[in-house]
Protein backbone atom coordinates (compact mmCIF):
# COMPACT_ATOMS: atom_id res chain seq x y z
CA MET A 1 91.79 121.97 102.74
CA ASP A 2 90.73 118.38 102.33
CA TRP A 3 90.96 116.46 105.63
CA VAL A 4 92.69 113.49 104.05
CA MET A 5 95.38 115.68 102.47
CA GLY A 6 95.88 117.52 105.75
CA MET A 7 96.14 114.23 107.61
CA GLN A 8 98.74 112.99 105.14
CA ARG A 9 100.81 116.15 105.60
CA ALA A 10 100.68 115.64 109.37
CA ILE A 11 101.70 111.97 109.07
CA ASP A 12 104.54 112.95 106.76
CA TYR A 13 105.67 115.46 109.39
CA VAL A 14 105.57 112.78 112.12
CA GLU A 15 107.58 110.39 109.96
CA ALA A 16 110.17 113.06 109.14
CA HIS A 17 110.60 113.97 112.83
CA ILE A 18 109.98 110.59 114.48
CA THR A 19 113.37 110.54 116.20
CA GLU A 20 112.80 113.97 117.75
CA GLU A 21 110.46 115.24 120.42
CA LEU A 22 107.07 115.65 118.77
CA ASP A 23 104.69 118.48 119.60
CA TYR A 24 101.02 117.68 119.01
CA ASN A 25 100.29 121.34 118.28
CA GLU A 26 102.91 121.41 115.52
CA ILE A 27 101.61 118.16 114.07
CA ALA A 28 98.09 119.60 114.04
CA ARG A 29 99.37 122.81 112.46
CA GLN A 30 100.62 120.73 109.51
CA SER A 31 97.00 119.82 108.78
CA CYS A 32 95.75 123.40 109.33
CA SER A 33 93.79 122.35 112.40
CA THR A 34 93.79 122.72 116.16
CA ALA A 35 95.34 119.95 118.25
CA TYR A 36 91.92 119.06 119.67
CA HIS A 37 90.18 118.68 116.30
CA PHE A 38 93.18 117.03 114.69
CA GLN A 39 93.36 114.31 117.32
CA ARG A 40 89.62 113.66 117.02
CA MET A 41 89.80 113.44 113.22
CA PHE A 42 92.96 111.32 113.35
CA GLY A 43 91.15 108.82 115.54
CA LEU A 44 88.12 108.76 113.25
CA LEU A 45 90.10 108.42 110.02
CA CYS A 46 92.85 106.07 111.22
CA GLY A 47 91.10 103.98 113.85
CA TYR A 48 93.60 104.70 116.64
CA THR A 49 94.89 107.74 118.48
CA LEU A 50 97.85 109.84 117.44
CA GLY A 51 99.70 108.69 120.57
CA GLU A 52 99.14 105.05 119.63
CA TYR A 53 100.42 105.72 116.11
CA ILE A 54 103.58 107.39 117.40
CA ARG A 55 104.17 104.68 120.01
CA ASN A 56 103.78 101.94 117.39
CA ARG A 57 106.18 103.72 115.04
CA TRP A 58 108.76 104.04 117.84
CA LEU A 59 108.41 100.35 118.66
CA THR A 60 108.72 99.44 114.98
CA LEU A 61 111.87 101.53 114.64
CA ALA A 62 113.33 100.05 117.83
CA VAL A 63 112.77 96.51 116.51
CA PHE A 64 114.22 97.50 113.15
CA TYR A 65 117.35 98.91 114.78
CA CYS A 66 117.72 95.86 117.03
CA SER A 67 117.49 93.35 114.20
CA GLY A 68 120.05 92.52 111.59
CA PRO A 69 123.76 93.15 111.37
CA ILE A 70 125.01 96.62 112.19
CA ARG A 71 128.09 98.08 110.57
CA PRO A 72 130.47 99.61 113.16
CA GLU A 73 130.27 103.09 111.64
CA ALA A 74 126.48 103.10 111.88
CA TRP A 75 126.26 101.68 115.40
CA LYS A 76 126.52 104.97 117.31
CA ARG A 77 123.76 106.65 115.29
CA LYS A 78 121.54 103.57 115.40
CA ARG A 79 122.08 103.12 119.14
CA ALA A 80 121.01 106.71 119.84
CA THR A 81 117.90 106.41 117.67
CA MET A 82 117.03 103.01 119.11
CA SER A 83 117.35 104.19 122.70
CA PHE A 84 115.23 107.28 121.93
CA CYS A 85 112.50 105.14 120.37
CA ILE A 86 112.50 102.54 123.16
CA LYS A 87 112.54 105.18 125.90
CA ASN A 88 109.61 107.07 124.43
CA ALA A 89 107.62 103.94 123.64
CA VAL A 90 108.06 102.70 127.21
CA LEU A 91 106.98 106.09 128.58
CA LEU A 92 103.83 106.01 126.44
CA ILE A 93 103.01 102.45 127.44
CA GLY A 94 103.25 103.59 131.02
């Protein structure tokens, strides 16, 4: 399998499951690779680590959910997603 196509499948998996707990082994499995080799190739192809990518996506989602007007019916779902993203981003930042 082409590395770029495998990487795209893994990124698509991350994006589809960004508000859930992510398992690096499952992400690597999407690209038909081991977690070790996937993380090395991700860093080489993307210029930053998988953890940095996930942290930045969580921060982006948290900012998105914090900005703009929120309809009352969407608030509970948005609040849960926002708190998940902020909590995990803060844990990764350390």
